[in-house]
Each structure stands twice: as C-alpha cells, then as structure tokens.
Amino acid sequence: RESALVILGDLESPAATPHLREMVSLYFASPGPPRDLPRSTPPVLDHKAVAAIFGLLAGMKDQESLPLFRDGLKSPEESVRTAAILGMRRFGSVDLLPELLGRLGKEKRLVHKQLEEAIRGLCHEEPTKFSKGLGDAPPSSRFALVKLLSQDRSAAALHVLRTLTQDGDPRVALGAARVLVLRGDESSRSVAERLAVEAPTEELQGLAEEVLKQFTGSKTE
C-alpha cells in the first residue's frame, strides 16, 4: 500500500495527497519505535520516506500540507528538515518564511547553503510578498536576512532591503541602511539621519552616525 501511494504521488495524482498527508502526520505524531496500530491505519514511515513524500507534496503544491512542512522544519532529522526547506522553495510560498528565517545559523554547512538558496529564491520570485511575509519573523531573523541579502545585488534584494530600512527594530533598519548606503542608495540616508536622532540608545545613535559617515565616504570615492 505504501509503495502504491508513493507511485500515485510521483504521478502527481490529486487522489494520493490525502493519504500522503495522513502518513506524514502519523510520522510526526508517533515519536519512537512503531506501535501496534489498527489495521486501517497507514504505516508509520521512516525519515527517508517522509523526506521523499515532502518532495511529492511540494511538487503538487498541496496547500493543505503546509502545516506538515512547518513540523518538518522543526524535525530532529536533517533529511526531513532539508526536504522541508527544498519543498518550501519548490512551493514558491512565503507562508512559512518566518520559520525558514528562524533556521538561519542553525544548520550544518550544506543544509545551510540550501536554506540560503531557498530564501533567496523566494525573495527573487515575489519580493513584495516576501517583504510582507517578514512581519511575523523575530528581529533576530530579520537581521540575519539583512546579512544574507548584503551579498545579493538583484533588484528583488534591493526592494526587500529598502523595506527593511523601515523596520520597527532600529538595529534591523540600520543594518539594511548600512548595506544600501554602500551602494549609494539615497533612501537609506534619510533613515540613518532619522535614527541618529531618534534611536532609543546612544549606541544605536552612534551606529546611525557611522552609517552617515559611510554615505559621505561613498559619495567622495
């Protein structure tokens, strides 16, 4: 039965998706070794099978499976987390953007590279939706995004960085302004000027003044 469902999913048959979702749900609900379950219950999969099914569900862009991808991003199994990361990129959805950003700095090198590529890919696809999806991410995640996009010269990254200069957290706003100021972006200067006066601490006011100095320096080079 399990093999038949995977084959159905591989053919992207809508008939397979409820069964695939049920199997993955059971995996997350059943930590530890398999238990004696009713005959009608789908089999409890291992992490490799769950990772494969994530790929199928993402390929079918099954919106009802998004909560399962959220669980996947929190899985202790690296293969499941990786499949969830790649799946969200394939989905092209920013619904789990805060969760994706929350993994920055927490994965091993290869998985972290795939995570960065997934986030950049989502940014490039729909920068406006991407920017709106940042609202639920904590400041630490938004600051990590500034660092990630600092090496991205695309128009989409520029759009998102400009949005982040208006961030409610002054450290995030100043981080984005610092990146833009080195590119001679005029909009970031007004942000730095405002925060040099209005930032809540002297430290942040000093950082804003440093950004202004960088702007002056970049204009004279």
C-alpha atoms as a PDB file:
ATOM      1  CA  ARG A   1       0.000   0.000   0.000  1.00  0.00           C
ATOM      2  CA  GLU A   2       2.795   2.412   0.905  1.00  0.00           C
ATOM      3  CA  SER A   3       4.556   1.834  -2.444  1.00  0.00           C
ATOM      4  CA  ALA A   4       1.316   2.346  -4.360  1.00  0.00           C
ATOM      5  CA  LEU A   5       0.723   5.680  -2.635  1.00  0.00           C
ATOM      6  CA  VAL A   6       4.228   6.890  -3.423  1.00  0.00           C
ATOM      7  CA  ILE A   7       3.751   5.904  -7.079  1.00  0.00           C
ATOM      8  CA  LEU A   8       0.460   7.816  -7.158  1.00  0.00           C
ATOM      9  CA  GLY A   9       2.179  10.819  -5.644  1.00  0.00           C
ATOM     10  CA  ASP A  10       5.031  10.576  -8.114  1.00  0.00           C
ATOM     11  CA  LEU A  11       2.440  10.857 -10.888  1.00  0.00           C
ATOM     12  CA  GLU A  12       1.107  13.959  -9.088  1.00  0.00           C
ATOM     13  CA  SER A  13      -2.329  12.433  -8.709  1.00  0.00           C
ATOM     14  CA  PRO A  14      -4.689  14.524  -6.525  1.00  0.00           C
ATOM     15  CA  ALA A  15      -6.111  11.228  -5.254  1.00  0.00           C
ATOM     16  CA  ALA A  16      -2.836  10.476  -3.477  1.00  0.00           C
ATOM     17  CA  THR A  17      -2.439  13.670  -1.478  1.00  0.00           C
ATOM     18  CA  PRO A  18      -4.847  12.939   1.422  1.00  0.00           C
ATOM     19  CA  HIS A  19      -3.145   9.595   2.025  1.00  0.00           C
ATOM     20  CA  LEU A  20       0.332  11.083   1.784  1.00  0.00           C
ATOM     21  CA  ARG A  21      -0.607  13.832   4.253  1.00  0.00           C
ATOM     22  CA  GLU A  22      -2.052  11.247   6.635  1.00  0.00           C
ATOM     23  CA  MET A  23       1.130   9.163   6.527  1.00  0.00           C
ATOM     24  CA  VAL A  24       3.336  12.175   7.254  1.00  0.00           C
ATOM     25  CA  SER A  25       1.005  13.348  10.032  1.00  0.00           C
ATOM     26  CA  LEU A  26       1.288   9.945  11.664  1.00  0.00           C
ATOM     27  CA  TYR A  27       5.080  10.133  11.476  1.00  0.00           C
ATOM     28  CA  PHE A  28       5.149  13.424  13.398  1.00  0.00           C
ATOM     29  CA  ALA A  29       2.556  12.194  15.888  1.00  0.00           C
ATOM     30  CA  SER A  30       4.393   8.931  16.595  1.00  0.00           C
ATOM     31  CA  PRO A  31       7.864   9.548  18.073  1.00  0.00           C
ATOM     32  CA  GLY A  32       9.865   6.471  18.915  1.00  0.00           C
ATOM     33  CA  PRO A  33       9.521   2.904  17.570  1.00  0.00           C
ATOM     34  CA  PRO A  34       6.375   1.887  15.660  1.00  0.00           C
ATOM     35  CA  ARG A  35       3.423   0.862  17.829  1.00  0.00           C
ATOM     36  CA  ASP A  36       0.665  -1.688  17.290  1.00  0.00           C
ATOM     37  CA  LEU A  37      -1.912   0.270  15.320  1.00  0.00           C
ATOM     38  CA  PRO A  38      -5.309  -0.635  13.844  1.00  0.00           C
ATOM     39  CA  ARG A  39      -5.113  -2.432  10.502  1.00  0.00           C
ATOM     40  CA  SER A  40      -6.813   0.537   8.766  1.00  0.00           C
ATOM     41  CA  THR A  41      -4.110   2.978   9.941  1.00  0.00           C
ATOM     42  CA  PRO A  42      -1.453   3.910   7.343  1.00  0.00           C
ATOM     43  CA  PRO A  43       2.066   2.627   8.108  1.00  0.00           C
ATOM     44  CA  VAL A  44       4.422   4.752  10.192  1.00  0.00           C
ATOM     45  CA  LEU A  45       7.173   5.865   7.828  1.00  0.00           C
ATOM     46  CA  ASP A  46      10.850   6.401   8.491  1.00  0.00           C
ATOM     47  CA  HIS A  47      12.503   9.804   7.966  1.00  0.00           C
ATOM     48  CA  LYS A  48      13.743   8.937   4.462  1.00  0.00           C
ATOM     49  CA  ALA A  49      10.226   8.131   3.264  1.00  0.00           C
ATOM     50  CA  VAL A  50       8.871  11.317   4.854  1.00  0.00           C
ATOM     51  CA  ALA A  51      11.539  13.359   3.072  1.00  0.00           C
ATOM     52  CA  ALA A  52      10.539  11.742  -0.235  1.00  0.00           C
ATOM     53  CA  ILE A  53       6.846  12.470   0.359  1.00  0.00           C
ATOM     54  CA  PHE A  54       7.643  16.110   1.139  1.00  0.00           C
ATOM     55  CA  GLY A  55       9.121  16.321  -2.344  1.00  0.00           C
ATOM     56  CA  LEU A  56       5.937  14.891  -3.839  1.00  0.00           C
ATOM     57  CA  LEU A  57       3.622  17.202  -1.887  1.00  0.00           C
ATOM     58  CA  ALA A  58       5.716  20.235  -2.808  1.00  0.00           C
ATOM     59  CA  GLY A  59       5.664  19.218  -6.461  1.00  0.00           C
ATOM     60  CA  MET A  60       1.868  19.094  -6.303  1.00  0.00           C
ATOM     61  CA  LYS A  61       1.814  22.444  -4.431  1.00  0.00           C
ATOM     62  CA  ASP A  62      -0.625  20.935  -1.953  1.00  0.00           C
ATOM     63  CA  GLN A  63      -1.591  23.894   0.242  1.00  0.00           C
ATOM     64  CA  GLU A  64      -3.184  21.692   2.899  1.00  0.00           C
ATOM     65  CA  SER A  65       0.194  20.123   3.615  1.00  0.00           C
ATOM     66  CA  LEU A  66       1.842  23.417   4.643  1.00  0.00           C
ATOM     67  CA  PRO A  67       1.414  22.734   8.396  1.00  0.00           C
ATOM     68  CA  LEU A  68       3.322  19.484   7.868  1.00  0.00           C
ATOM     69  CA  PHE A  69       6.207  21.410   6.323  1.00  0.00           C
ATOM     70  CA  ARG A  70       6.232  23.578   9.466  1.00  0.00           C
ATOM     71  CA  ASP A  71       6.659  20.391  11.501  1.00  0.00           C
ATOM     72  CA  GLY A  72       9.339  19.274   9.067  1.00  0.00           C
ATOM     73  CA  LEU A  73      11.413  22.409   9.631  1.00  0.00           C
ATOM     74  CA  LYS A  74      11.483  21.553  13.365  1.00  0.00           C
ATOM     75  CA  SER A  75      12.327  17.873  12.875  1.00  0.00           C
ATOM     76  CA  PRO A  76      15.453  16.482  14.583  1.00  0.00           C
ATOM     77  CA  GLU A  77      16.168  14.568  11.369  1.00  0.00           C
ATOM     78  CA  GLU A  78      18.382  16.541   8.978  1.00  0.00           C
ATOM     79  CA  SER A  79      16.956  14.784   5.909  1.00  0.00           C
ATOM     80  CA  VAL A  80      13.414  15.807   6.870  1.00  0.00           C
ATOM     81  CA  ARG A  81      14.442  19.433   7.536  1.00  0.00           C
ATOM     82  CA  THR A  82      16.287  19.558   4.226  1.00  0.00           C
ATOM     83  CA  ALA A  83      13.278  18.170   2.358  1.00  0.00           C
ATOM     84  CA  ALA A  84      11.035  20.737   4.052  1.00  0.00           C
ATOM     85  CA  ILE A  85      13.426  23.560   3.087  1.00  0.00           C
ATOM     86  CA  LEU A  86      13.638  22.432  -0.535  1.00  0.00           C
ATOM     87  CA  GLY A  87       9.896  21.846  -0.582  1.00  0.00           C
ATOM     88  CA  MET A  88       9.115  25.400   0.503  1.00  0.00           C
ATOM     89  CA  ARG A  89      11.328  26.719  -2.279  1.00  0.00           C
ATOM     90  CA  ARG A  90       9.511  24.498  -4.761  1.00  0.00           C
ATOM     91  CA  PHE A  91       6.158  25.642  -3.404  1.00  0.00           C
ATOM     92  CA  GLY A  92       7.125  29.253  -4.069  1.00  0.00           C
ATOM     93  CA  SER A  93       5.181  30.146  -0.907  1.00  0.00           C
ATOM     94  CA  VAL A  94       6.206  32.657   1.775  1.00  0.00           C
ATOM     95  CA  ASP A  95       3.686  31.267   4.279  1.00  0.00           C
ATOM     96  CA  LEU A  96       6.475  29.647   6.303  1.00  0.00           C
ATOM     97  CA  LEU A  97       9.035  32.407   5.741  1.00  0.00           C
ATOM     98  CA  PRO A  98       9.423  33.188   9.481  1.00  0.00           C
ATOM     99  CA  GLU A  99      10.161  29.515  10.140  1.00  0.00           C
ATOM    100  CA  LEU A 100      12.697  29.387   7.285  1.00  0.00           C
ATOM    101  CA  LEU A 101      14.452  32.505   8.534  1.00  0.00           C
ATOM    102  CA  GLY A 102      14.487  31.021  12.011  1.00  0.00           C
ATOM    103  CA  ARG A 103      16.752  28.226  10.758  1.00  0.00           C
ATOM    104  CA  LEU A 104      19.493  30.631   9.628  1.00  0.00           C
ATOM    105  CA  GLY A 105      22.668  29.975  11.588  1.00  0.00           C
ATOM    106  CA  LYS A 106      21.326  26.698  12.986  1.00  0.00           C
ATOM    107  CA  GLU A 107      22.066  24.234  10.186  1.00  0.00           C
ATOM    108  CA  LYS A 108      25.237  22.479   9.072  1.00  0.00           C
ATOM    109  CA  ARG A 109      27.081  23.936   6.121  1.00  0.00           C
ATOM    110  CA  LEU A 110      25.474  22.018   3.243  1.00  0.00           C
ATOM    111  CA  VAL A 111      21.919  22.315   4.593  1.00  0.00           C
ATOM    112  CA  HIS A 112      22.519  25.965   5.456  1.00  0.00           C
ATOM    113  CA  LYS A 113      23.565  26.656   1.871  1.00  0.00           C
ATOM    114  CA  GLN A 114      20.338  25.075   0.615  1.00  0.00           C
ATOM    115  CA  LEU A 115      18.411  27.139   3.151  1.00  0.00           C
ATOM    116  CA  GLU A 116      20.037  30.359   1.930  1.00  0.00           C
ATOM    117  CA  GLU A 117      19.305  29.439  -1.686  1.00  0.00           C
ATOM    118  CA  ALA A 118      15.668  28.723  -0.825  1.00  0.00           C
ATOM    119  CA  ILE A 119      15.253  32.083   0.922  1.00  0.00           C
ATOM    120  CA  ARG A 120      16.938  33.999  -1.902  1.00  0.00           C
ATOM    121  CA  GLY A 121      14.806  32.131  -4.439  1.00  0.00           C
ATOM    122  CA  LEU A 122      11.599  33.123  -2.662  1.00  0.00           C
ATOM    123  CA  CYS A 123      12.850  36.708  -2.486  1.00  0.00           C
ATOM    124  CA  HIS A 124      13.581  36.797  -6.207  1.00  0.00           C
ATOM    125  CA  GLU A 125      10.203  35.316  -7.175  1.00  0.00           C
ATOM    126  CA  GLU A 126       7.906  37.804  -5.450  1.00  0.00           C
ATOM    127  CA  PRO A 127       9.803  40.448  -3.475  1.00  0.00           C
ATOM    128  CA  THR A 128       6.652  42.325  -2.463  1.00  0.00           C
ATOM    129  CA  LYS A 129       5.001  39.233  -0.972  1.00  0.00           C
ATOM    130  CA  PHE A 130       8.331  38.254   0.531  1.00  0.00           C
ATOM    131  CA  SER A 131       8.600  41.621   2.290  1.00  0.00           C
ATOM    132  CA  LYS A 132       5.066  41.312   3.663  1.00  0.00           C
ATOM    133  CA  GLY A 133       5.892  37.829   4.935  1.00  0.00           C
ATOM    134  CA  LEU A 134       8.635  39.207   7.180  1.00  0.00           C
ATOM    135  CA  GLY A 135       6.183  40.721   9.657  1.00  0.00           C
ATOM    136  CA  ASP A 136       5.917  37.615  11.835  1.00  0.00           C
ATOM    137  CA  ALA A 137       9.644  36.899  11.887  1.00  0.00           C
ATOM    138  CA  PRO A 138      11.520  37.954  15.049  1.00  0.00           C
ATOM    139  CA  PRO A 139      14.058  40.812  14.804  1.00  0.00           C
ATOM    140  CA  SER A 140      16.977  38.385  15.050  1.00  0.00           C
ATOM    141  CA  SER A 141      15.737  36.575  11.931  1.00  0.00           C
ATOM    142  CA  ARG A 142      15.177  39.813  10.025  1.00  0.00           C
ATOM    143  CA  PHE A 143      18.693  40.936  10.967  1.00  0.00           C
ATOM    144  CA  ALA A 144      20.071  37.604   9.696  1.00  0.00           C
ATOM    145  CA  LEU A 145      18.204  38.224   6.437  1.00  0.00           C
ATOM    146  CA  VAL A 146      19.931  41.608   6.052  1.00  0.00           C
ATOM    147  CA  LYS A 147      23.277  39.826   6.275  1.00  0.00           C
ATOM    148  CA  LEU A 148      22.163  37.224   3.719  1.00  0.00           C
ATOM    149  CA  LEU A 149      20.943  39.832   1.224  1.00  0.00           C
ATOM    150  CA  SER A 150      24.017  42.030   1.662  1.00  0.00           C
ATOM    151  CA  GLN A 151      25.759  39.913  -0.993  1.00  0.00           C
ATOM    152  CA  ASP A 152      22.759  39.904  -3.339  1.00  0.00           C
ATOM    153  CA  ARG A 153      22.824  42.629  -5.992  1.00  0.00           C
ATOM    154  CA  SER A 154      19.444  41.745  -7.538  1.00  0.00           C
ATOM    155  CA  ALA A 155      16.580  44.220  -7.879  1.00  0.00           C
ATOM    156  CA  ALA A 156      14.452  41.946  -5.679  1.00  0.00           C
ATOM    157  CA  ALA A 157      17.006  42.039  -2.848  1.00  0.00           C
ATOM    158  CA  LEU A 158      17.218  45.814  -3.198  1.00  0.00           C
ATOM    159  CA  HIS A 159      13.434  46.046  -2.821  1.00  0.00           C
ATOM    160  CA  VAL A 160      13.463  43.918   0.339  1.00  0.00           C
ATOM    161  CA  LEU A 161      16.405  45.815   1.854  1.00  0.00           C
ATOM    162  CA  ARG A 162      14.610  49.114   1.277  1.00  0.00           C
ATOM    163  CA  THR A 163      11.594  47.665   3.060  1.00  0.00           C
ATOM    164  CA  LEU A 164      13.793  46.604   5.965  1.00  0.00           C
ATOM    165  CA  THR A 165      15.097  50.158   6.418  1.00  0.00           C
ATOM    166  CA  GLN A 166      11.581  50.916   7.683  1.00  0.00           C
ATOM    167  CA  ASP A 167      11.713  48.040  10.156  1.00  0.00           C
ATOM    168  CA  GLY A 168      10.400  48.711  13.645  1.00  0.00           C
ATOM    169  CA  ASP A 169      13.610  47.365  15.144  1.00  0.00           C
ATOM    170  CA  PRO A 170      16.281  50.091  14.754  1.00  0.00           C
ATOM    171  CA  ARG A 171      19.119  47.558  14.593  1.00  0.00           C
ATOM    172  CA  VAL A 172      17.482  45.847  11.610  1.00  0.00           C
ATOM    173  CA  ALA A 173      16.731  49.187   9.942  1.00  0.00           C
ATOM    174  CA  LEU A 174      20.312  50.370  10.439  1.00  0.00           C
ATOM    175  CA  GLY A 175      21.714  47.084   9.166  1.00  0.00           C
ATOM    176  CA  ALA A 176      19.712  47.420   5.962  1.00  0.00           C
ATOM    177  CA  ALA A 177      20.677  51.093   5.673  1.00  0.00           C
ATOM    178  CA  ARG A 178      24.363  50.196   6.056  1.00  0.00           C
ATOM    179  CA  VAL A 179      24.132  47.761   3.132  1.00  0.00           C
ATOM    180  CA  LEU A 180      22.281  50.233   0.932  1.00  0.00           C
ATOM    181  CA  VAL A 181      24.467  53.168   1.807  1.00  0.00           C
ATOM    182  CA  LEU A 182      27.483  51.369   0.358  1.00  0.00           C
ATOM    183  CA  ARG A 183      25.516  51.114  -2.875  1.00  0.00           C
ATOM    184  CA  GLY A 184      24.834  54.863  -2.899  1.00  0.00           C
ATOM    185  CA  ASP A 185      21.128  54.411  -2.251  1.00  0.00           C
ATOM    186  CA  GLU A 186      19.645  57.799  -1.339  1.00  0.00           C
ATOM    187  CA  SER A 187      16.652  56.374   0.525  1.00  0.00           C
ATOM    188  CA  SER A 188      18.858  54.883   3.214  1.00  0.00           C
ATOM    189  CA  ARG A 189      20.388  58.247   4.100  1.00  0.00           C
ATOM    190  CA  SER A 190      17.118  59.639   5.419  1.00  0.00           C
ATOM    191  CA  VAL A 191      16.719  56.537   7.577  1.00  0.00           C
ATOM    192  CA  ALA A 192      20.174  56.995   9.092  1.00  0.00           C
ATOM    193  CA  GLU A 193      19.555  60.699   9.694  1.00  0.00           C
ATOM    194  CA  ARG A 194      16.310  59.926  11.495  1.00  0.00           C
ATOM    195  CA  LEU A 195      17.807  57.193  13.673  1.00  0.00           C
ATOM    196  CA  ALA A 196      20.844  59.317  14.546  1.00  0.00           C
ATOM    197  CA  VAL A 197      18.345  61.496  16.428  1.00  0.00           C
ATOM    198  CA  GLU A 198      15.503  59.127  17.328  1.00  0.00           C
ATOM    199  CA  ALA A 199      17.235  55.812  18.066  1.00  0.00           C
ATOM    200  CA  PRO A 200      16.398  54.706  21.642  1.00  0.00           C
ATOM    201  CA  THR A 201      20.012  54.271  22.811  1.00  0.00           C
ATOM    202  CA  GLU A 202      23.244  56.194  22.382  1.00  0.00           C
ATOM    203  CA  GLU A 203      24.823  53.077  20.906  1.00  0.00           C
ATOM    204  CA  LEU A 204      22.263  52.941  18.113  1.00  0.00           C
ATOM    205  CA  GLN A 205      22.523  56.685  17.545  1.00  0.00           C
ATOM    206  CA  GLY A 206      26.267  56.213  17.165  1.00  0.00           C
ATOM    207  CA  LEU A 207      25.729  53.401  14.663  1.00  0.00           C
ATOM    208  CA  ALA A 208      23.413  55.667  12.672  1.00  0.00           C
ATOM    209  CA  GLU A 209      26.085  58.374  12.627  1.00  0.00           C
ATOM    210  CA  GLU A 210      28.603  55.809  11.364  1.00  0.00           C
ATOM    211  CA  VAL A 211      26.232  54.909   8.546  1.00  0.00           C
ATOM    212  CA  LEU A 212      26.003  58.597   7.613  1.00  0.00           C
ATOM    213  CA  LYS A 213      29.799  58.834   7.553  1.00  0.00           C
ATOM    214  CA  GLN A 214      29.897  55.809   5.229  1.00  0.00           C
ATOM    215  CA  PHE A 215      27.427  57.519   2.941  1.00  0.00           C
ATOM    216  CA  THR A 216      29.630  60.622   2.766  1.00  0.00           C
ATOM    217  CA  GLY A 217      32.655  58.451   2.092  1.00  0.00           C
ATOM    218  CA  SER A 218      30.955  56.524  -0.691  1.00  0.00           C
ATOM    219  CA  LYS A 219      29.919  59.776  -2.387  1.00  0.00           C
ATOM    220  CA  THR A 220      33.506  61.087  -2.468  1.00  0.00           C
ATOM    221  CA  GLU A 221      35.074  57.895  -3.846  1.00  0.00           C
END
